[in-house]
Amino acid sequence: MSAASVRRLVVVLAATVGVAACGADAVSPLPVQPPGSTRSTPTPAASSAIPAPTGSPSRPPPTSGRPPAAPPAPGRTRGTPRTTPPPTAATPACQGAVRYDLPLAETEIELLRSLCFATGAVLRIQGIGPGLVTVDRPELVSQQYEAGVVDIRFVRPGTVAVTIPKEGREHTITVVVR
């Protein structure tokens, strides 16, 4: 172990003892690895070369304000990319509890076949008459019409087929609600 590594280790241990002195329970410091070390535990020679801290320091050493970085998981080194993305609550294809505006005058509805939302999302269909938009599962939605706008709020998870008439044809949009 180099002298600089030993000094850094002593500073870390002194800071740990200073923080531990604030609590009522006694705690012992964890072993610290010097940067670049691949061993998971210190050797007996390395741990005996570090003097045991005595007393508490008069003031704590300066910190950067950030928590210390966690060591890499066993078998992985830092900078190694993950092979699978981390799990997320919503996939890129499934939107959250958003309002999705569908202006019929500006949208080619034939191209829109399916949507995915979280519970609480609203499909706002603009430019349509009252009673023209239908759903196959009314127990999963709350539907409201006002001034040429139909708001369909998805209140329960499931799959809802929304049927919208346009230019003499009926278009169905399958909405998956998570």
N, C-alpha and C. Protein backbone atom coordinates (compact mmCIF):
# COMPACT_ATOMS: atom_id res chain seq x y z
N MET A 1 0.84 -1.17 0.00
CA MET A 1 0.00 0.00 0.00
C MET A 1 0.89 1.23 0.00
N SER A 2 0.59 2.20 -0.82
CA SER A 2 1.41 3.40 -0.88
C SER A 2 1.09 4.32 0.29
N ALA A 3 1.96 5.27 0.52
CA ALA A 3 1.77 6.20 1.63
C ALA A 3 0.52 7.05 1.41
N ALA A 4 0.24 7.43 0.16
CA ALA A 4 -0.95 8.24 -0.14
C ALA A 4 -2.22 7.44 0.14
N SER A 5 -2.20 6.14 -0.18
CA SER A 5 -3.37 5.29 0.09
C SER A 5 -3.61 5.15 1.58
N VAL A 6 -2.53 5.00 2.34
CA VAL A 6 -2.65 4.87 3.79
C VAL A 6 -3.21 6.17 4.37
N ARG A 7 -2.73 7.33 3.88
CA ARG A 7 -3.24 8.61 4.38
C ARG A 7 -4.74 8.76 4.09
N ARG A 8 -5.16 8.39 2.87
CA ARG A 8 -6.58 8.47 2.52
C ARG A 8 -7.41 7.55 3.41
N LEU A 9 -6.88 6.37 3.70
CA LEU A 9 -7.58 5.41 4.53
C LEU A 9 -7.71 5.93 5.96
N VAL A 10 -6.67 6.57 6.46
CA VAL A 10 -6.71 7.13 7.81
C VAL A 10 -7.74 8.25 7.88
N VAL A 11 -7.82 9.09 6.84
CA VAL A 11 -8.80 10.17 6.82
C VAL A 11 -10.22 9.60 6.80
N VAL A 12 -10.44 8.57 5.99
CA VAL A 12 -11.77 7.95 5.92
C VAL A 12 -12.13 7.33 7.25
N LEU A 13 -11.18 6.63 7.88
CA LEU A 13 -11.45 6.02 9.18
C LEU A 13 -11.70 7.07 10.24
N ALA A 14 -10.97 8.16 10.22
CA ALA A 14 -11.16 9.24 11.19
C ALA A 14 -12.54 9.86 11.01
N ALA A 15 -12.97 10.03 9.77
CA ALA A 15 -14.30 10.57 9.51
C ALA A 15 -15.38 9.61 9.99
N THR A 16 -15.15 8.33 9.81
CA THR A 16 -16.12 7.32 10.25
C THR A 16 -16.24 7.33 11.76
N VAL A 17 -15.13 7.44 12.46
CA VAL A 17 -15.15 7.47 13.92
C VAL A 17 -15.83 8.74 14.39
N GLY A 18 -15.59 9.86 13.71
CA GLY A 18 -16.23 11.12 14.08
C GLY A 18 -17.73 11.04 13.92
N VAL A 19 -18.20 10.43 12.85
CA VAL A 19 -19.64 10.28 12.63
C VAL A 19 -20.21 9.28 13.61
N ALA A 20 -19.50 8.20 13.86
CA ALA A 20 -19.98 7.17 14.77
C ALA A 20 -20.09 7.72 16.19
N ALA A 21 -19.25 8.68 16.57
CA ALA A 21 -19.28 9.24 17.91
C ALA A 21 -20.55 10.04 18.15
N CYS A 22 -21.25 10.44 17.10
CA CYS A 22 -22.48 11.22 17.25
C CYS A 22 -23.64 10.36 17.72
N GLY A 23 -23.64 9.06 17.45
CA GLY A 23 -24.76 8.19 17.80
C GLY A 23 -24.55 7.55 19.16
N ALA A 24 -25.61 6.92 19.67
CA ALA A 24 -25.53 6.28 20.97
C ALA A 24 -24.93 4.88 20.86
N ASP A 25 -25.11 4.22 19.71
CA ASP A 25 -24.61 2.87 19.54
C ASP A 25 -23.17 2.90 19.05
N ALA A 26 -22.38 1.94 19.53
CA ALA A 26 -21.00 1.82 19.08
C ALA A 26 -20.98 1.14 17.72
N VAL A 27 -20.19 1.66 16.81
CA VAL A 27 -20.05 1.08 15.49
C VAL A 27 -18.58 0.95 15.16
N SER A 28 -18.27 -0.04 14.35
CA SER A 28 -16.89 -0.19 13.92
C SER A 28 -16.82 0.16 12.44
N PRO A 29 -15.71 0.74 12.02
CA PRO A 29 -15.59 1.12 10.61
C PRO A 29 -15.48 -0.10 9.71
N LEU A 30 -15.97 0.04 8.49
CA LEU A 30 -15.86 -1.03 7.51
C LEU A 30 -14.49 -0.97 6.84
N PRO A 31 -13.97 -2.10 6.36
CA PRO A 31 -12.70 -2.07 5.65
C PRO A 31 -12.85 -1.27 4.35
N VAL A 32 -11.81 -0.53 4.00
CA VAL A 32 -11.84 0.31 2.81
C VAL A 32 -10.81 -0.20 1.82
N GLN A 33 -11.20 -0.28 0.54
CA GLN A 33 -10.27 -0.70 -0.50
C GLN A 33 -9.61 0.52 -1.11
N PRO A 34 -8.32 0.46 -1.32
CA PRO A 34 -7.69 1.57 -2.04
C PRO A 34 -8.13 1.54 -3.51
N PRO A 35 -8.14 2.69 -4.18
CA PRO A 35 -8.54 2.73 -5.58
C PRO A 35 -7.67 1.78 -6.42
N GLY A 36 -8.30 1.06 -7.35
CA GLY A 36 -7.58 0.16 -8.24
C GLY A 36 -7.37 -1.22 -7.66
N SER A 37 -7.76 -1.44 -6.41
CA SER A 37 -7.59 -2.75 -5.80
C SER A 37 -8.70 -3.67 -6.26
N THR A 38 -8.38 -4.93 -6.49
CA THR A 38 -9.39 -5.90 -6.93
C THR A 38 -9.76 -6.85 -5.82
N ARG A 39 -9.09 -6.78 -4.67
CA ARG A 39 -9.39 -7.66 -3.56
C ARG A 39 -10.63 -7.16 -2.84
N SER A 40 -11.45 -8.09 -2.32
CA SER A 40 -12.67 -7.68 -1.64
C SER A 40 -12.44 -7.45 -0.14
N THR A 41 -11.38 -8.02 0.44
CA THR A 41 -11.08 -7.80 1.85
C THR A 41 -9.61 -7.49 1.99
N PRO A 42 -9.26 -6.65 2.97
CA PRO A 42 -7.85 -6.33 3.15
C PRO A 42 -7.07 -7.51 3.72
N THR A 43 -5.81 -7.57 3.40
CA THR A 43 -4.95 -8.63 3.94
C THR A 43 -4.57 -8.28 5.36
N PRO A 44 -4.20 -9.27 6.18
CA PRO A 44 -3.82 -8.96 7.56
C PRO A 44 -2.66 -7.97 7.63
N ALA A 45 -1.72 -8.05 6.69
CA ALA A 45 -0.60 -7.12 6.71
C ALA A 45 -1.06 -5.70 6.45
N ALA A 46 -2.01 -5.55 5.53
CA ALA A 46 -2.49 -4.20 5.21
C ALA A 46 -3.28 -3.62 6.36
N SER A 47 -4.08 -4.44 7.05
CA SER A 47 -4.88 -3.89 8.14
C SER A 47 -4.03 -3.59 9.37
N SER A 48 -2.92 -4.30 9.57
CA SER A 48 -2.07 -4.02 10.72
C SER A 48 -1.21 -2.78 10.49
N ALA A 49 -1.03 -2.36 9.23
CA ALA A 49 -0.22 -1.18 8.96
C ALA A 49 -0.99 0.09 9.23
N ILE A 50 -2.29 0.00 9.44
CA ILE A 50 -3.11 1.19 9.68
C ILE A 50 -3.25 1.38 11.17
N PRO A 51 -2.82 2.53 11.67
CA PRO A 51 -2.95 2.75 13.11
C PRO A 51 -4.42 2.92 13.49
N ALA A 52 -4.79 2.42 14.65
CA ALA A 52 -6.16 2.57 15.13
C ALA A 52 -6.36 4.02 15.55
N PRO A 53 -7.46 4.63 15.15
CA PRO A 53 -7.70 6.02 15.53
C PRO A 53 -7.97 6.10 17.03
N THR A 54 -7.48 7.16 17.63
CA THR A 54 -7.68 7.37 19.06
C THR A 54 -8.37 8.70 19.24
N GLY A 55 -9.46 8.70 20.01
CA GLY A 55 -10.19 9.94 20.27
C GLY A 55 -10.95 10.40 19.03
N SER A 56 -11.67 11.47 19.16
CA SER A 56 -12.40 12.01 18.01
C SER A 56 -11.72 13.28 17.54
N PRO A 57 -11.74 13.54 16.24
CA PRO A 57 -11.09 14.74 15.73
C PRO A 57 -11.85 15.97 16.20
N SER A 58 -11.13 17.10 16.26
CA SER A 58 -11.75 18.33 16.75
C SER A 58 -12.80 18.84 15.77
N ARG A 59 -12.63 18.57 14.48
CA ARG A 59 -13.63 18.94 13.49
C ARG A 59 -13.61 17.89 12.38
N PRO A 60 -14.77 17.66 11.77
CA PRO A 60 -14.81 16.64 10.72
C PRO A 60 -14.09 17.12 9.46
N PRO A 61 -13.51 16.19 8.70
CA PRO A 61 -12.82 16.59 7.48
C PRO A 61 -13.83 17.11 6.45
N PRO A 62 -13.39 17.99 5.55
CA PRO A 62 -14.31 18.52 4.55
C PRO A 62 -14.78 17.42 3.61
N THR A 63 -16.04 17.53 3.20
CA THR A 63 -16.60 16.56 2.25
C THR A 63 -17.12 17.30 1.04
N SER A 64 -17.38 16.55 -0.02
CA SER A 64 -17.87 17.16 -1.26
C SER A 64 -19.38 17.36 -1.22
N GLY A 65 -20.07 16.81 -0.21
CA GLY A 65 -21.52 16.94 -0.14
C GLY A 65 -22.24 15.80 -0.86
N ARG A 66 -21.48 14.98 -1.57
CA ARG A 66 -22.07 13.83 -2.28
C ARG A 66 -21.83 12.58 -1.46
N PRO A 67 -22.77 11.62 -1.49
CA PRO A 67 -22.49 10.35 -0.81
C PRO A 67 -21.41 9.60 -1.56
N PRO A 68 -20.65 8.77 -0.85
CA PRO A 68 -19.59 8.03 -1.53
C PRO A 68 -20.18 7.04 -2.54
N ALA A 69 -19.46 6.81 -3.61
CA ALA A 69 -19.92 5.89 -4.65
C ALA A 69 -19.86 4.46 -4.14
N ALA A 70 -20.85 3.67 -4.49
CA ALA A 70 -20.89 2.27 -4.07
C ALA A 70 -19.89 1.48 -4.90
N PRO A 71 -19.28 0.47 -4.31
CA PRO A 71 -18.34 -0.34 -5.08
C PRO A 71 -19.09 -1.13 -6.14
N PRO A 72 -18.43 -1.51 -7.22
CA PRO A 72 -19.10 -2.28 -8.27
C PRO A 72 -19.54 -3.64 -7.76
N ALA A 73 -20.59 -4.17 -8.37
CA ALA A 73 -21.10 -5.49 -8.00
C ALA A 73 -20.05 -6.54 -8.29
N PRO A 74 -20.05 -7.65 -7.55
CA PRO A 74 -19.06 -8.70 -7.80
C PRO A 74 -19.15 -9.19 -9.24
N GLY A 75 -18.00 -9.37 -9.85
CA GLY A 75 -17.95 -9.86 -11.23
C GLY A 75 -18.09 -8.76 -12.27
N ARG A 76 -18.34 -7.53 -11.84
CA ARG A 76 -18.48 -6.42 -12.80
C ARG A 76 -17.45 -5.36 -12.47
N THR A 77 -17.00 -4.68 -13.45
CA THR A 77 -16.12 -3.54 -13.24
C THR A 77 -16.86 -2.30 -13.67
N ARG A 78 -16.44 -1.17 -13.17
CA ARG A 78 -17.09 0.08 -13.55
C ARG A 78 -16.89 0.33 -15.03
N GLY A 79 -17.92 0.90 -15.64
CA GLY A 79 -17.82 1.22 -17.05
C GLY A 79 -18.29 0.10 -17.96
N THR A 80 -18.60 -1.07 -17.40
CA THR A 80 -19.10 -2.16 -18.22
C THR A 80 -20.57 -1.93 -18.49
N PRO A 81 -20.99 -1.88 -19.75
CA PRO A 81 -22.40 -1.62 -20.03
C PRO A 81 -23.27 -2.81 -19.64
N ARG A 82 -24.51 -2.52 -19.27
CA ARG A 82 -25.46 -3.58 -18.94
C ARG A 82 -25.91 -4.25 -20.22
N THR A 83 -26.21 -5.54 -20.13
CA THR A 83 -26.71 -6.25 -21.31
C THR A 83 -28.20 -6.06 -21.47
N THR A 84 -28.93 -5.81 -20.36
CA THR A 84 -30.36 -5.53 -20.44
C THR A 84 -30.63 -4.22 -19.76
N PRO A 85 -31.61 -3.44 -20.25
CA PRO A 85 -31.91 -2.18 -19.59
C PRO A 85 -32.56 -2.43 -18.23
N PRO A 86 -32.43 -1.47 -17.30
CA PRO A 86 -33.05 -1.66 -16.00
C PRO A 86 -34.56 -1.64 -16.14
N PRO A 87 -35.30 -2.35 -15.27
CA PRO A 87 -36.75 -2.36 -15.38
C PRO A 87 -37.32 -0.99 -15.06
N THR A 88 -38.33 -0.58 -15.81
CA THR A 88 -38.97 0.71 -15.57
C THR A 88 -40.46 0.50 -15.42
N ALA A 89 -41.11 1.49 -14.85
CA ALA A 89 -42.55 1.40 -14.63
C ALA A 89 -43.32 1.45 -15.94
N ALA A 90 -42.87 2.23 -16.87
CA ALA A 90 -43.56 2.34 -18.15
C ALA A 90 -42.56 2.08 -19.29
N THR A 91 -42.99 1.33 -20.25
CA THR A 91 -42.14 1.08 -21.41
C THR A 91 -42.25 2.27 -22.35
N PRO A 92 -41.31 2.46 -23.29
CA PRO A 92 -41.38 3.59 -24.19
C PRO A 92 -42.68 3.61 -25.01
N ALA A 93 -43.25 2.44 -25.31
CA ALA A 93 -44.48 2.39 -26.10
C ALA A 93 -45.71 2.69 -25.24
N CYS A 94 -45.62 2.56 -23.94
CA CYS A 94 -46.76 2.78 -23.05
C CYS A 94 -46.58 4.10 -22.32
N GLN A 95 -47.50 5.02 -22.53
CA GLN A 95 -47.42 6.33 -21.91
C GLN A 95 -48.00 6.28 -20.51
N GLY A 96 -47.75 7.29 -19.73
CA GLY A 96 -48.25 7.34 -18.37
C GLY A 96 -49.69 7.82 -18.34
N ALA A 97 -50.07 8.42 -17.22
CA ALA A 97 -51.41 8.98 -17.04
C ALA A 97 -51.44 10.37 -17.67
N VAL A 98 -51.50 10.41 -18.98
CA VAL A 98 -51.42 11.66 -19.75
C VAL A 98 -52.75 11.95 -20.43
N ARG A 99 -52.86 13.15 -20.99
CA ARG A 99 -53.99 13.46 -21.85
C ARG A 99 -53.50 13.38 -23.28
N TYR A 100 -54.12 12.53 -24.08
CA TYR A 100 -53.74 12.32 -25.46
C TYR A 100 -54.78 12.99 -26.34
N ASP A 101 -54.40 14.08 -27.00
CA ASP A 101 -55.32 14.81 -27.86
C ASP A 101 -55.35 14.17 -29.25
N LEU A 102 -56.56 13.97 -29.76
CA LEU A 102 -56.75 13.37 -31.07
C LEU A 102 -57.69 14.28 -31.89
N PRO A 103 -57.12 15.32 -32.54
CA PRO A 103 -57.96 16.20 -33.37
C PRO A 103 -58.29 15.49 -34.68
N LEU A 104 -59.57 15.15 -34.88
CA LEU A 104 -59.96 14.36 -36.05
C LEU A 104 -59.73 15.11 -37.36
N ALA A 105 -59.82 16.42 -37.36
CA ALA A 105 -59.63 17.19 -38.59
C ALA A 105 -58.17 17.15 -39.05
N GLU A 106 -57.22 16.94 -38.15
CA GLU A 106 -55.80 16.99 -38.48
C GLU A 106 -55.11 15.63 -38.46
N THR A 107 -55.81 14.59 -38.05
CA THR A 107 -55.18 13.28 -37.83
C THR A 107 -55.65 12.27 -38.87
N GLU A 108 -54.70 11.51 -39.38
CA GLU A 108 -55.05 10.38 -40.24
C GLU A 108 -55.34 9.20 -39.32
N ILE A 109 -56.59 9.10 -38.93
CA ILE A 109 -57.00 8.11 -37.93
C ILE A 109 -56.79 6.68 -38.40
N GLU A 110 -56.73 6.48 -39.71
CA GLU A 110 -56.53 5.12 -40.25
C GLU A 110 -55.18 4.55 -39.82
N LEU A 111 -54.21 5.42 -39.57
CA LEU A 111 -52.87 4.97 -39.19
C LEU A 111 -52.75 4.64 -37.70
N LEU A 112 -53.72 5.10 -36.91
CA LEU A 112 -53.68 4.89 -35.47
C LEU A 112 -54.47 3.63 -35.13
N ARG A 113 -53.79 2.56 -34.77
CA ARG A 113 -54.43 1.27 -34.48
C ARG A 113 -54.51 0.97 -32.99
N SER A 114 -53.47 1.36 -32.23
CA SER A 114 -53.46 1.02 -30.80
C SER A 114 -52.70 2.08 -30.01
N LEU A 115 -53.04 2.15 -28.73
CA LEU A 115 -52.39 3.05 -27.78
C LEU A 115 -52.22 2.30 -26.46
N CYS A 116 -51.31 2.79 -25.63
CA CYS A 116 -51.10 2.20 -24.31
C CYS A 116 -50.95 3.34 -23.31
N PHE A 117 -51.74 3.30 -22.25
CA PHE A 117 -51.72 4.34 -21.22
C PHE A 117 -51.70 3.70 -19.84
N ALA A 118 -51.37 4.52 -18.84
CA ALA A 118 -51.52 4.14 -17.45
C ALA A 118 -52.94 4.51 -17.02
N THR A 119 -53.41 3.90 -15.96
CA THR A 119 -54.72 4.22 -15.42
C THR A 119 -54.76 5.71 -15.08
N GLY A 120 -55.85 6.37 -15.45
CA GLY A 120 -55.99 7.80 -15.20
C GLY A 120 -55.76 8.64 -16.44
N ALA A 121 -55.28 8.04 -17.53
CA ALA A 121 -55.04 8.78 -18.77
C ALA A 121 -56.37 9.16 -19.41
N VAL A 122 -56.34 10.20 -20.25
CA VAL A 122 -57.53 10.68 -20.94
C VAL A 122 -57.24 10.72 -22.44
N LEU A 123 -58.13 10.11 -23.21
CA LEU A 123 -58.10 10.21 -24.67
C LEU A 123 -59.11 11.29 -25.04
N ARG A 124 -58.64 12.41 -25.57
CA ARG A 124 -59.50 13.54 -25.93
C ARG A 124 -59.66 13.56 -27.44
N ILE A 125 -60.87 13.25 -27.90
CA ILE A 125 -61.18 13.22 -29.33
C ILE A 125 -61.89 14.52 -29.66
N GLN A 126 -61.29 15.33 -30.53
CA GLN A 126 -61.80 16.66 -30.85
C GLN A 126 -62.42 16.69 -32.24
N GLY A 127 -63.56 17.38 -32.35
CA GLY A 127 -64.21 17.55 -33.64
C GLY A 127 -65.19 16.44 -33.99
N ILE A 128 -66.01 16.04 -33.06
CA ILE A 128 -66.95 14.94 -33.28
C ILE A 128 -68.28 15.28 -32.59
N GLY A 129 -69.35 14.70 -33.08
CA GLY A 129 -70.68 14.95 -32.52
C GLY A 129 -70.95 14.11 -31.29
N PRO A 130 -72.04 14.47 -30.58
CA PRO A 130 -72.40 13.72 -29.36
C PRO A 130 -72.90 12.33 -29.68
N GLY A 131 -72.50 11.36 -28.86
CA GLY A 131 -72.97 9.99 -28.97
C GLY A 131 -72.36 9.18 -30.10
N LEU A 132 -71.36 9.70 -30.79
CA LEU A 132 -70.78 8.97 -31.92
C LEU A 132 -69.64 8.05 -31.53
N VAL A 133 -68.90 8.39 -30.50
CA VAL A 133 -67.76 7.57 -30.06
C VAL A 133 -68.29 6.51 -29.10
N THR A 134 -67.92 5.26 -29.33
CA THR A 134 -68.36 4.17 -28.45
C THR A 134 -67.16 3.37 -27.95
N VAL A 135 -67.35 2.70 -26.81
CA VAL A 135 -66.33 1.82 -26.23
C VAL A 135 -66.96 0.47 -25.96
N ASP A 136 -66.17 -0.59 -26.08
CA ASP A 136 -66.71 -1.93 -25.85
C ASP A 136 -66.73 -2.32 -24.38
N ARG A 137 -65.98 -1.64 -23.54
CA ARG A 137 -65.92 -1.96 -22.10
C ARG A 137 -66.20 -0.70 -21.28
N PRO A 138 -67.47 -0.28 -21.19
CA PRO A 138 -67.79 0.97 -20.48
C PRO A 138 -67.44 0.94 -18.99
N GLU A 139 -67.30 -0.24 -18.39
CA GLU A 139 -66.95 -0.32 -16.96
C GLU A 139 -65.50 0.08 -16.69
N LEU A 140 -64.67 0.17 -17.73
CA LEU A 140 -63.26 0.55 -17.56
C LEU A 140 -63.00 2.02 -17.82
N VAL A 141 -64.03 2.77 -18.28
CA VAL A 141 -63.83 4.16 -18.66
C VAL A 141 -64.88 5.07 -18.04
N SER A 142 -64.59 6.35 -18.07
CA SER A 142 -65.55 7.39 -17.75
C SER A 142 -65.56 8.30 -18.97
N GLN A 143 -66.71 8.39 -19.65
CA GLN A 143 -66.79 9.11 -20.92
C GLN A 143 -67.65 10.36 -20.74
N GLN A 144 -67.21 11.47 -21.36
CA GLN A 144 -67.90 12.73 -21.23
C GLN A 144 -67.83 13.48 -22.55
N TYR A 145 -68.92 14.17 -22.92
CA TYR A 145 -68.97 14.95 -24.16
C TYR A 145 -69.30 16.40 -23.83
N GLU A 146 -68.60 17.32 -24.51
CA GLU A 146 -68.92 18.73 -24.39
C GLU A 146 -68.31 19.49 -25.56
N ALA A 147 -69.14 20.24 -26.28
CA ALA A 147 -68.73 21.17 -27.34
C ALA A 147 -67.84 20.53 -28.39
N GLY A 148 -68.24 19.38 -28.92
CA GLY A 148 -67.49 18.73 -29.99
C GLY A 148 -66.27 17.96 -29.52
N VAL A 149 -66.14 17.76 -28.22
CA VAL A 149 -64.98 17.06 -27.65
C VAL A 149 -65.46 15.92 -26.77
N VAL A 150 -64.94 14.72 -27.03
CA VAL A 150 -65.23 13.56 -26.19
C VAL A 150 -63.98 13.26 -25.37
N ASP A 151 -64.14 13.24 -24.05
CA ASP A 151 -63.05 12.84 -23.15
C ASP A 151 -63.35 11.44 -22.64
N ILE A 152 -62.41 10.53 -22.86
CA ILE A 152 -62.52 9.16 -22.34
C ILE A 152 -61.40 8.99 -21.32
N ARG A 153 -61.80 8.90 -20.05
CA ARG A 153 -60.80 8.68 -18.98
C ARG A 153 -60.79 7.19 -18.66
N PHE A 154 -59.59 6.61 -18.67
CA PHE A 154 -59.42 5.19 -18.40
C PHE A 154 -59.22 5.00 -16.90
N VAL A 155 -60.25 4.45 -16.24
CA VAL A 155 -60.26 4.39 -14.78
C VAL A 155 -59.84 3.04 -14.20
N ARG A 156 -59.79 2.00 -15.03
CA ARG A 156 -59.37 0.67 -14.56
C ARG A 156 -58.47 0.02 -15.60
N PRO A 157 -57.55 -0.84 -15.17
CA PRO A 157 -56.69 -1.54 -16.13
C PRO A 157 -57.50 -2.52 -16.99
N GLY A 158 -57.05 -2.72 -18.21
CA GLY A 158 -57.69 -3.65 -19.13
C GLY A 158 -57.47 -3.19 -20.56
N THR A 159 -58.22 -3.77 -21.49
CA THR A 159 -58.13 -3.41 -22.90
C THR A 159 -59.49 -2.91 -23.36
N VAL A 160 -59.50 -1.73 -23.97
CA VAL A 160 -60.73 -1.08 -24.41
C VAL A 160 -60.63 -0.81 -25.90
N ALA A 161 -61.68 -1.19 -26.65
CA ALA A 161 -61.75 -0.85 -28.08
C ALA A 161 -62.59 0.41 -28.21
N VAL A 162 -61.98 1.49 -28.70
CA VAL A 162 -62.66 2.77 -28.90
C VAL A 162 -63.00 2.87 -30.39
N THR A 163 -64.30 3.03 -30.71
CA THR A 163 -64.74 3.10 -32.10
C THR A 163 -65.14 4.54 -32.42
N ILE A 164 -64.52 5.08 -33.49
CA ILE A 164 -64.73 6.47 -33.90
C ILE A 164 -65.18 6.48 -35.36
N PRO A 165 -66.37 7.06 -35.65
CA PRO A 165 -66.80 7.17 -37.05
C PRO A 165 -66.15 8.39 -37.71
N LYS A 166 -65.69 8.21 -38.96
CA LYS A 166 -65.13 9.32 -39.73
C LYS A 166 -65.31 9.00 -41.21
N GLU A 167 -65.89 9.95 -41.93
CA GLU A 167 -66.10 9.84 -43.37
C GLU A 167 -66.83 8.55 -43.76
N GLY A 168 -67.88 8.21 -43.02
CA GLY A 168 -68.68 7.05 -43.36
C GLY A 168 -68.10 5.71 -42.95
N ARG A 169 -66.93 5.70 -42.32
CA ARG A 169 -66.29 4.44 -41.88
C ARG A 169 -66.09 4.49 -40.37
N GLU A 170 -66.08 3.32 -39.76
CA GLU A 170 -65.79 3.24 -38.33
C GLU A 170 -64.35 2.77 -38.13
N HIS A 171 -63.63 3.50 -37.31
CA HIS A 171 -62.23 3.17 -37.01
C HIS A 171 -62.14 2.76 -35.55
N THR A 172 -61.48 1.65 -35.32
CA THR A 172 -61.32 1.15 -33.95
C THR A 172 -59.89 1.30 -33.50
N ILE A 173 -59.72 1.88 -32.32
CA ILE A 173 -58.40 2.03 -31.70
C ILE A 173 -58.41 1.15 -30.45
N THR A 174 -57.49 0.22 -30.38
CA THR A 174 -57.37 -0.64 -29.20
C THR A 174 -56.48 0.06 -28.19
N VAL A 175 -57.03 0.29 -26.98
CA VAL A 175 -56.29 0.99 -25.94
C VAL A 175 -56.01 0.01 -24.81
N VAL A 176 -54.73 -0.20 -24.51
CA VAL A 176 -54.32 -1.04 -23.39
C VAL A 176 -54.08 -0.11 -22.21
N VAL A 177 -54.71 -0.42 -21.09
CA VAL A 177 -54.58 0.41 -19.88
C VAL A 177 -53.90 -0.42 -18.81
N ARG A 178 -52.78 0.08 -18.33
CA ARG A 178 -52.01 -0.62 -17.28
C ARG A 178 -52.24 0.01 -15.94
